[in-house]
Structures are given as structure tokens and as C-alpha cells.
Amino acid sequence: MRGLILAIQFLTRLPTPTLTDFRAEELARAAIWFPLVGLLLGALLAGAVWLGAQVDPWLGALLGLLAWVGLTGALHLDGLADLADALGAAHGDRERLLAVLADPHLGVFGATALALQLLSKLVLLMLLAKAGLFWPLLLIPAWARLGPLLWARLPSLKPGLGERFAWNIGLGSVWLWMALLAAASVGAPALLAAPLLILAWRTYLLARLGGMTGDALGAGVEWLESGLLLALVL
């Protein structure tokens, strides 16, 4: 239970019991619970969209988006914005890329990426609410939080928590989660695009960055979430 509580504390803003004697390596081991935390987020997301859709699909989409951002504390959106700023400013210079990733200020590239991502999720959630597709939303955050457990095995571009996830999570546990989520996705086959999207982001990180950072993991979560929403809509 301690590992699950740590995973909830890291990925969400949900209230949890206070833990004493915290050690950083515990969080890395707790990463195995990330997909389960995703299921919890997905349940709350689906509930918010369903509730608002009883009035209008747009209201359902808005409530869903507000819940998505609020429950996660914009954790992965921050990674998306940082990575967009770094890629936009680096022009192929790796040192410049790492310097911009470390800069806490938001630039034009990051702001644009944030706006496009939020607008995309809002519209896609509205279309799903209009079609009455609520239960598949339960699985999207879970699939998205499985991705980092695989991407973290890429070479790390700088020290951080990102690479520690791979040190403590065996591949057997990752494949078990993938099998469970795939079985749960049979009723919504579009979600079976998730492994391809996970592989696509891994390929992109290797080709464009040569490795990964914590921001790249967060951006990948956003990529998976919007990609799976689009897959469901299509």
C-alpha cells in the first residue's frame, strides 16, 4: 500500500495518508502502480464527462478537461511545454536543448503546445460525450501511464527521476500490465492502438533526442492521451 500511496501522491493531487521516512528510491519502485493510478484517474474523468454530458456534450467535455488538469496538477502538461520550448529553441544543439529544459520559464513554443493540447482534448472529449462513449475514458490514463515505464529504459539525457523508474521495474511487470489493459480494451478496439503509440514515441525520442528526460516522459503521456482520444473518435 505504501508504494500505491506514493504513486498517487506523485501523479495526482488526490488526498492520501501522510507517509513518514520517505526515500527517493521508494518512488522509483512505486512506479509499477502508475497504470493503476491511471485507472483511478480514468474513473474520475469518465464520471466528470458523463455528469456534464447529461446537460450538454460541451459541458461534459469542459468538466472532463477541468478534472483531467486539476487531478493531475498539470504534471504532464508541464513536461509537454518544457519539451516544446526546448525543441523549438535548440536547433539541433544538445547543450542548448538541455539548458532550455532546465529553464522554468514558459516560452512561445511551450505556450502554443499547451493551447493546442488543451483544445484538442476539449474537442475530442466533446465528440466522445456526444457519441455516448464514456467507459473507454477509464482506460486512457492507464495506458498513458504505462508508457513511461518503457520509455524510462532509454538513455537518460540528464540525472533525474525518469531513469530510476527503469532501474526498479522489471519488464515482466510491464508486459503483465500491457496484457491486462489489452484484455480490458477488447470492448473498445481503438484503444489497442496504445502499444503502437508507445512505440512511436520511443522511436521519436531516440531519433530526435537520442534519449529521454522526465519532461519527455510527461510529454509522452500527453501524446498517448490525445492519440487514444483521437483513435476512439475515428
C-alpha atoms as a PDB file:
ATOM      1  CA  MET A   1       0.000   0.000   0.000  1.00  0.00           C
ATOM      2  CA  ARG A   2       2.905   2.353   0.649  1.00  0.00           C
ATOM      3  CA  GLY A   3       4.010   2.106  -2.983  1.00  0.00           C
ATOM      4  CA  LEU A   4       0.493   2.768  -4.248  1.00  0.00           C
ATOM      5  CA  ILE A   5       0.132   5.795  -1.967  1.00  0.00           C
ATOM      6  CA  LEU A   6       3.442   7.188  -3.234  1.00  0.00           C
ATOM      7  CA  ALA A   7       2.350   6.679  -6.843  1.00  0.00           C
ATOM      8  CA  ILE A   8      -0.928   8.516  -6.158  1.00  0.00           C
ATOM      9  CA  GLN A   9       0.953  11.352  -4.462  1.00  0.00           C
ATOM     10  CA  PHE A  10       3.379  11.706  -7.380  1.00  0.00           C
ATOM     11  CA  LEU A  11       0.851  11.539 -10.228  1.00  0.00           C
ATOM     12  CA  THR A  12      -2.180  13.253  -8.720  1.00  0.00           C
ATOM     13  CA  ARG A  13      -3.406  15.892  -6.311  1.00  0.00           C
ATOM     14  CA  LEU A  14      -5.752  13.455  -4.591  1.00  0.00           C
ATOM     15  CA  PRO A  15      -5.646  13.384  -0.770  1.00  0.00           C
ATOM     16  CA  THR A  16      -3.660  10.468   0.664  1.00  0.00           C
ATOM     17  CA  PRO A  17      -2.376   9.383   4.074  1.00  0.00           C
ATOM     18  CA  THR A  18       0.866  11.021   5.199  1.00  0.00           C
ATOM     19  CA  LEU A  19       3.923   8.783   4.874  1.00  0.00           C
ATOM     20  CA  THR A  20       6.975   9.143   7.114  1.00  0.00           C
ATOM     21  CA  ASP A  21      10.615   8.317   6.386  1.00  0.00           C
ATOM     22  CA  PHE A  22      10.273   8.853   2.632  1.00  0.00           C
ATOM     23  CA  ARG A  23      13.236   7.839   0.469  1.00  0.00           C
ATOM     24  CA  ALA A  24      13.591   8.795  -3.210  1.00  0.00           C
ATOM     25  CA  GLU A  25      14.219   5.198  -4.298  1.00  0.00           C
ATOM     26  CA  GLU A  26      10.788   4.248  -2.966  1.00  0.00           C
ATOM     27  CA  LEU A  27       9.105   6.386  -5.616  1.00  0.00           C
ATOM     28  CA  ALA A  28      11.004   4.591  -8.358  1.00  0.00           C
ATOM     29  CA  ARG A  29       9.773   1.238  -7.043  1.00  0.00           C
ATOM     30  CA  ALA A  30       6.250   2.656  -6.717  1.00  0.00           C
ATOM     31  CA  ALA A  31       6.183   3.315 -10.473  1.00  0.00           C
ATOM     32  CA  ILE A  32       4.770  -0.181 -11.001  1.00  0.00           C
ATOM     33  CA  TRP A  33       1.478   1.234  -9.700  1.00  0.00           C
ATOM     34  CA  PHE A  34       1.326   4.027 -12.295  1.00  0.00           C
ATOM     35  CA  PRO A  35      -1.205   2.226 -14.558  1.00  0.00           C
ATOM     36  CA  LEU A  36      -3.453   1.540 -11.558  1.00  0.00           C
ATOM     37  CA  VAL A  37      -3.357   5.226 -10.640  1.00  0.00           C
ATOM     38  CA  GLY A  38      -4.268   5.864 -14.271  1.00  0.00           C
ATOM     39  CA  LEU A  39      -7.362   3.703 -13.847  1.00  0.00           C
ATOM     40  CA  LEU A  40      -8.353   5.762 -10.826  1.00  0.00           C
ATOM     41  CA  LEU A  41      -7.903   8.974 -12.799  1.00  0.00           C
ATOM     42  CA  GLY A  42      -9.813   7.463 -15.702  1.00  0.00           C
ATOM     43  CA  ALA A  43     -12.773   6.600 -13.491  1.00  0.00           C
ATOM     44  CA  LEU A  44     -12.962  10.171 -12.196  1.00  0.00           C
ATOM     45  CA  LEU A  45     -12.514  11.561 -15.712  1.00  0.00           C
ATOM     46  CA  ALA A  46     -15.262   9.371 -17.170  1.00  0.00           C
ATOM     47  CA  GLY A  47     -17.574  10.329 -14.309  1.00  0.00           C
ATOM     48  CA  ALA A  48     -16.985  14.051 -14.864  1.00  0.00           C
ATOM     49  CA  VAL A  49     -17.622  13.795 -18.615  1.00  0.00           C
ATOM     50  CA  TRP A  50     -20.758  11.706 -18.091  1.00  0.00           C
ATOM     51  CA  LEU A  51     -22.124  14.105 -15.484  1.00  0.00           C
ATOM     52  CA  GLY A  52     -21.675  17.187 -17.654  1.00  0.00           C
ATOM     53  CA  ALA A  53     -22.985  15.406 -20.749  1.00  0.00           C
ATOM     54  CA  GLN A  54     -26.347  14.979 -19.052  1.00  0.00           C
ATOM     55  CA  VAL A  55     -26.770  18.706 -19.788  1.00  0.00           C
ATOM     56  CA  ASP A  56     -24.694  19.100 -22.976  1.00  0.00           C
ATOM     57  CA  PRO A  57     -21.688  17.329 -24.573  1.00  0.00           C
ATOM     58  CA  TRP A  58     -19.663  20.541 -24.438  1.00  0.00           C
ATOM     59  CA  LEU A  59     -20.264  20.827 -20.702  1.00  0.00           C
ATOM     60  CA  GLY A  60     -19.209  17.207 -20.314  1.00  0.00           C
ATOM     61  CA  ALA A  61     -16.005  17.938 -22.230  1.00  0.00           C
ATOM     62  CA  LEU A  62     -15.283  21.015 -20.136  1.00  0.00           C
ATOM     63  CA  LEU A  63     -15.836  19.214 -16.826  1.00  0.00           C
ATOM     64  CA  GLY A  64     -13.705  16.328 -18.059  1.00  0.00           C
ATOM     65  CA  LEU A  65     -10.860  18.619 -19.085  1.00  0.00           C
ATOM     66  CA  LEU A  66     -11.006  20.538 -15.808  1.00  0.00           C
ATOM     67  CA  ALA A  67     -10.922  17.250 -13.891  1.00  0.00           C
ATOM     68  CA  TRP A  68      -8.022  15.965 -16.016  1.00  0.00           C
ATOM     69  CA  VAL A  69      -5.908  19.057 -15.390  1.00  0.00           C
ATOM     70  CA  GLY A  70      -6.936  19.538 -11.782  1.00  0.00           C
ATOM     71  CA  LEU A  71      -6.473  15.951 -10.648  1.00  0.00           C
ATOM     72  CA  THR A  72      -3.007  15.696 -12.187  1.00  0.00           C
ATOM     73  CA  GLY A  73      -1.864  19.184 -11.256  1.00  0.00           C
ATOM     74  CA  ALA A  74      -0.901  19.711 -14.920  1.00  0.00           C
ATOM     75  CA  LEU A  75       2.114  17.478 -14.238  1.00  0.00           C
ATOM     76  CA  HIS A  76       2.440  16.079 -17.756  1.00  0.00           C
ATOM     77  CA  LEU A  77       1.371  19.312 -19.447  1.00  0.00           C
ATOM     78  CA  ASP A  78       4.397  20.900 -17.804  1.00  0.00           C
ATOM     79  CA  GLY A  79       6.634  18.287 -19.446  1.00  0.00           C
ATOM     80  CA  LEU A  80       4.963  18.876 -22.806  1.00  0.00           C
ATOM     81  CA  ALA A  81       5.511  22.638 -22.590  1.00  0.00           C
ATOM     82  CA  ASP A  82       9.138  22.292 -21.477  1.00  0.00           C
ATOM     83  CA  LEU A  83       9.947  19.841 -24.258  1.00  0.00           C
ATOM     84  CA  ALA A  84       8.248  22.017 -26.891  1.00  0.00           C
ATOM     85  CA  ASP A  85      10.251  25.047 -25.761  1.00  0.00           C
ATOM     86  CA  ALA A  86      13.491  23.063 -25.807  1.00  0.00           C
ATOM     87  CA  LEU A  87      12.919  21.551 -29.244  1.00  0.00           C
ATOM     88  CA  GLY A  88      11.881  24.899 -30.661  1.00  0.00           C
ATOM     89  CA  ALA A  89      14.947  26.708 -29.328  1.00  0.00           C
ATOM     90  CA  ALA A  90      17.662  24.063 -29.649  1.00  0.00           C
ATOM     91  CA  HIS A  91      18.104  23.966 -33.451  1.00  0.00           C
ATOM     92  CA  GLY A  92      19.985  20.685 -33.127  1.00  0.00           C
ATOM     93  CA  ASP A  93      22.235  21.889 -30.279  1.00  0.00           C
ATOM     94  CA  ARG A  94      22.013  19.308 -27.490  1.00  0.00           C
ATOM     95  CA  GLU A  95      23.501  21.603 -24.843  1.00  0.00           C
ATOM     96  CA  ARG A  96      21.005  24.315 -25.755  1.00  0.00           C
ATOM     97  CA  LEU A  97      18.176  21.765 -25.537  1.00  0.00           C
ATOM     98  CA  LEU A  98      19.198  20.691 -22.030  1.00  0.00           C
ATOM     99  CA  ALA A  99      19.599  24.316 -20.938  1.00  0.00           C
ATOM    100  CA  VAL A 100      16.087  25.228 -22.078  1.00  0.00           C
ATOM    101  CA  LEU A 101      14.663  22.094 -20.439  1.00  0.00           C
ATOM    102  CA  ALA A 102      16.143  23.291 -17.152  1.00  0.00           C
ATOM    103  CA  ASP A 103      14.701  26.812 -17.565  1.00  0.00           C
ATOM    104  CA  PRO A 104      11.460  27.174 -15.533  1.00  0.00           C
ATOM    105  CA  HIS A 105      10.101  29.975 -17.745  1.00  0.00           C
ATOM    106  CA  LEU A 106       7.422  29.327 -20.375  1.00  0.00           C
ATOM    107  CA  GLY A 107       8.192  30.336 -23.954  1.00  0.00           C
ATOM    108  CA  VAL A 108       6.131  30.746 -27.095  1.00  0.00           C
ATOM    109  CA  PHE A 109       6.674  27.168 -28.257  1.00  0.00           C
ATOM    110  CA  GLY A 110       5.565  25.784 -24.897  1.00  0.00           C
ATOM    111  CA  ALA A 111       2.528  28.053 -24.688  1.00  0.00           C
ATOM    112  CA  THR A 112       1.478  27.056 -28.200  1.00  0.00           C
ATOM    113  CA  ALA A 113       1.860  23.356 -27.404  1.00  0.00           C
ATOM    114  CA  LEU A 114      -0.225  23.768 -24.239  1.00  0.00           C
ATOM    115  CA  ALA A 115      -3.004  25.629 -26.061  1.00  0.00           C
ATOM    116  CA  LEU A 116      -3.184  23.082 -28.878  1.00  0.00           C
ATOM    117  CA  GLN A 117      -3.160  20.133 -26.483  1.00  0.00           C
ATOM    118  CA  LEU A 118      -5.938  21.527 -24.287  1.00  0.00           C
ATOM    119  CA  LEU A 119      -8.059  22.487 -27.294  1.00  0.00           C
ATOM    120  CA  SER A 120      -7.551  19.041 -28.816  1.00  0.00           C
ATOM    121  CA  LYS A 121      -8.627  17.281 -25.646  1.00  0.00           C
ATOM    122  CA  LEU A 122     -11.650  19.548 -25.239  1.00  0.00           C
ATOM    123  CA  VAL A 123     -12.941  18.904 -28.766  1.00  0.00           C
ATOM    124  CA  LEU A 124     -12.215  15.170 -28.677  1.00  0.00           C
ATOM    125  CA  LEU A 125     -13.909  14.785 -25.289  1.00  0.00           C
ATOM    126  CA  MET A 126     -16.952  16.611 -26.660  1.00  0.00           C
ATOM    127  CA  LEU A 127     -17.172  14.237 -29.631  1.00  0.00           C
ATOM    128  CA  LEU A 128     -16.903  11.208 -27.346  1.00  0.00           C
ATOM    129  CA  ALA A 129     -19.545  12.626 -24.996  1.00  0.00           C
ATOM    130  CA  LYS A 130     -21.810  13.311 -27.964  1.00  0.00           C
ATOM    131  CA  ALA A 131     -21.411   9.676 -29.059  1.00  0.00           C
ATOM    132  CA  GLY A 132     -22.039   8.394 -25.525  1.00  0.00           C
ATOM    133  CA  LEU A 133     -18.576   6.811 -25.275  1.00  0.00           C
ATOM    134  CA  PHE A 134     -17.796   7.213 -21.591  1.00  0.00           C
ATOM    135  CA  TRP A 135     -16.398   3.934 -20.266  1.00  0.00           C
ATOM    136  CA  PRO A 136     -13.349   3.812 -22.603  1.00  0.00           C
ATOM    137  CA  LEU A 137     -12.141   7.001 -20.890  1.00  0.00           C
ATOM    138  CA  LEU A 138     -11.444   4.800 -17.886  1.00  0.00           C
ATOM    139  CA  LEU A 139      -8.559   3.113 -19.721  1.00  0.00           C
ATOM    140  CA  ILE A 140      -6.874   6.032 -21.496  1.00  0.00           C
ATOM    141  CA  PRO A 141      -4.973   7.431 -18.470  1.00  0.00           C
ATOM    142  CA  ALA A 142      -3.922   3.889 -17.529  1.00  0.00           C
ATOM    143  CA  TRP A 143      -2.440   3.197 -20.966  1.00  0.00           C
ATOM    144  CA  ALA A 144      -0.740   6.606 -20.908  1.00  0.00           C
ATOM    145  CA  ARG A 145       0.952   5.898 -17.562  1.00  0.00           C
ATOM    146  CA  LEU A 146       2.242   2.558 -18.778  1.00  0.00           C
ATOM    147  CA  GLY A 147       4.318   4.328 -21.434  1.00  0.00           C
ATOM    148  CA  PRO A 148       6.865   5.916 -19.049  1.00  0.00           C
ATOM    149  CA  LEU A 149       7.786   2.504 -17.648  1.00  0.00           C
ATOM    150  CA  LEU A 150       9.084   1.586 -21.117  1.00  0.00           C
ATOM    151  CA  TRP A 151      10.443   4.977 -22.220  1.00  0.00           C
ATOM    152  CA  ALA A 152      12.447   5.298 -18.993  1.00  0.00           C
ATOM    153  CA  ARG A 153      14.690   2.499 -20.278  1.00  0.00           C
ATOM    154  CA  LEU A 154      16.091   4.812 -22.933  1.00  0.00           C
ATOM    155  CA  PRO A 155      19.439   6.546 -22.242  1.00  0.00           C
ATOM    156  CA  SER A 156      18.945   9.426 -19.823  1.00  0.00           C
ATOM    157  CA  LEU A 157      19.995  12.869 -21.090  1.00  0.00           C
ATOM    158  CA  LYS A 158      20.341  14.239 -17.569  1.00  0.00           C
ATOM    159  CA  PRO A 159      20.059  12.944 -13.986  1.00  0.00           C
ATOM    160  CA  GLY A 160      16.540  12.756 -12.593  1.00  0.00           C
ATOM    161  CA  LEU A 161      13.701  10.532 -11.502  1.00  0.00           C
ATOM    162  CA  GLY A 162      12.916   9.435 -15.043  1.00  0.00           C
ATOM    163  CA  GLU A 163      15.638   6.850 -15.462  1.00  0.00           C
ATOM    164  CA  ARG A 164      15.135   5.490 -11.929  1.00  0.00           C
ATOM    165  CA  PHE A 165      11.762   4.035 -12.926  1.00  0.00           C
ATOM    166  CA  ALA A 166      13.516   1.590 -15.252  1.00  0.00           C
ATOM    167  CA  TRP A 167      16.005   0.519 -12.576  1.00  0.00           C
ATOM    168  CA  ASN A 168      13.320  -0.842 -10.274  1.00  0.00           C
ATOM    169  CA  ILE A 169      10.561  -2.109 -12.584  1.00  0.00           C
ATOM    170  CA  GLY A 170      11.057  -5.466 -14.279  1.00  0.00           C
ATOM    171  CA  LEU A 171       9.898  -5.937 -17.846  1.00  0.00           C
ATOM    172  CA  GLY A 172       7.714  -8.829 -16.731  1.00  0.00           C
ATOM    173  CA  SER A 173       5.549  -6.477 -14.687  1.00  0.00           C
ATOM    174  CA  VAL A 174       5.287  -4.067 -17.615  1.00  0.00           C
ATOM    175  CA  TRP A 175       4.175  -6.814 -20.013  1.00  0.00           C
ATOM    176  CA  LEU A 176       1.634  -8.033 -17.442  1.00  0.00           C
ATOM    177  CA  TRP A 177       0.098  -4.562 -17.248  1.00  0.00           C
ATOM    178  CA  MET A 178       0.046  -4.369 -21.034  1.00  0.00           C
ATOM    179  CA  ALA A 179      -1.745  -7.712 -21.283  1.00  0.00           C
ATOM    180  CA  LEU A 180      -4.326  -6.698 -18.673  1.00  0.00           C
ATOM    181  CA  LEU A 181      -5.026  -3.357 -20.356  1.00  0.00           C
ATOM    182  CA  ALA A 182      -5.227  -5.000 -23.778  1.00  0.00           C
ATOM    183  CA  ALA A 183      -7.770  -7.500 -22.457  1.00  0.00           C
ATOM    184  CA  ALA A 184      -9.813  -4.672 -20.929  1.00  0.00           C
ATOM    185  CA  SER A 185      -9.680  -2.774 -24.235  1.00  0.00           C
ATOM    186  CA  VAL A 186     -11.320  -5.526 -26.298  1.00  0.00           C
ATOM    187  CA  GLY A 187     -14.667  -3.738 -25.983  1.00  0.00           C
ATOM    188  CA  ALA A 188     -13.102  -0.590 -27.471  1.00  0.00           C
ATOM    189  CA  PRO A 189     -10.610  -1.895 -30.070  1.00  0.00           C
ATOM    190  CA  ALA A 190      -9.374   1.603 -30.932  1.00  0.00           C
ATOM    191  CA  LEU A 191      -7.529   1.596 -27.600  1.00  0.00           C
ATOM    192  CA  LEU A 192      -5.384  -1.269 -28.864  1.00  0.00           C
ATOM    193  CA  ALA A 193      -3.507   1.410 -30.787  1.00  0.00           C
ATOM    194  CA  ALA A 194      -1.795   2.231 -27.489  1.00  0.00           C
ATOM    195  CA  PRO A 195       1.219  -0.110 -27.925  1.00  0.00           C
ATOM    196  CA  LEU A 196       1.848   1.401 -31.372  1.00  0.00           C
ATOM    197  CA  LEU A 197       1.685   4.926 -29.942  1.00  0.00           C
ATOM    198  CA  ILE A 198       4.049   3.914 -27.139  1.00  0.00           C
ATOM    199  CA  LEU A 199       6.490   2.520 -29.702  1.00  0.00           C
ATOM    200  CA  ALA A 200       6.111   5.618 -31.897  1.00  0.00           C
ATOM    201  CA  TRP A 201       7.042   7.935 -29.020  1.00  0.00           C
ATOM    202  CA  ARG A 202      10.036   5.761 -28.137  1.00  0.00           C
ATOM    203  CA  THR A 203      11.199   5.917 -31.753  1.00  0.00           C
ATOM    204  CA  TYR A 204      10.728   9.694 -31.831  1.00  0.00           C
ATOM    205  CA  LEU A 205      12.734  10.226 -28.639  1.00  0.00           C
ATOM    206  CA  LEU A 206      15.599   8.133 -29.945  1.00  0.00           C
ATOM    207  CA  ALA A 207      15.635   9.863 -33.321  1.00  0.00           C
ATOM    208  CA  ARG A 208      15.146  13.463 -32.125  1.00  0.00           C
ATOM    209  CA  LEU A 209      16.735  13.499 -28.665  1.00  0.00           C
ATOM    210  CA  GLY A 210      18.867  10.380 -28.518  1.00  0.00           C
ATOM    211  CA  GLY A 211      17.345   9.504 -25.156  1.00  0.00           C
ATOM    212  CA  MET A 212      14.827  10.683 -22.600  1.00  0.00           C
ATOM    213  CA  THR A 213      14.260  13.090 -19.723  1.00  0.00           C
ATOM    214  CA  GLY A 214      11.474  13.441 -17.184  1.00  0.00           C
ATOM    215  CA  ASP A 215       9.910  16.127 -19.378  1.00  0.00           C
ATOM    216  CA  ALA A 216       9.984  13.761 -22.363  1.00  0.00           C
ATOM    217  CA  LEU A 217       8.158  11.144 -20.286  1.00  0.00           C
ATOM    218  CA  GLY A 218       5.485  13.683 -19.330  1.00  0.00           C
ATOM    219  CA  ALA A 219       5.104  14.840 -22.916  1.00  0.00           C
ATOM    220  CA  GLY A 220       4.706  11.212 -23.952  1.00  0.00           C
ATOM    221  CA  VAL A 221       1.824  10.785 -21.519  1.00  0.00           C
ATOM    222  CA  GLU A 222       0.065  13.716 -23.176  1.00  0.00           C
ATOM    223  CA  TRP A 223       0.827  12.253 -26.627  1.00  0.00           C
ATOM    224  CA  LEU A 224      -0.756   8.947 -25.652  1.00  0.00           C
ATOM    225  CA  GLU A 225      -3.821  10.526 -24.092  1.00  0.00           C
ATOM    226  CA  SER A 226      -4.655  12.732 -27.065  1.00  0.00           C
ATOM    227  CA  GLY A 227      -3.717   9.981 -29.532  1.00  0.00           C
ATOM    228  CA  LEU A 228      -6.076   7.498 -27.894  1.00  0.00           C
ATOM    229  CA  LEU A 229      -8.868  10.055 -27.716  1.00  0.00           C
ATOM    230  CA  LEU A 230      -8.454  10.623 -31.451  1.00  0.00           C
ATOM    231  CA  ALA A 231      -8.386   6.876 -32.116  1.00  0.00           C
ATOM    232  CA  LEU A 232     -11.686   6.465 -30.270  1.00  0.00           C
ATOM    233  CA  VAL A 233     -13.288   9.329 -32.173  1.00  0.00           C
ATOM    234  CA  LEU A 234     -12.157   7.949 -35.538  1.00  0.00           C
END
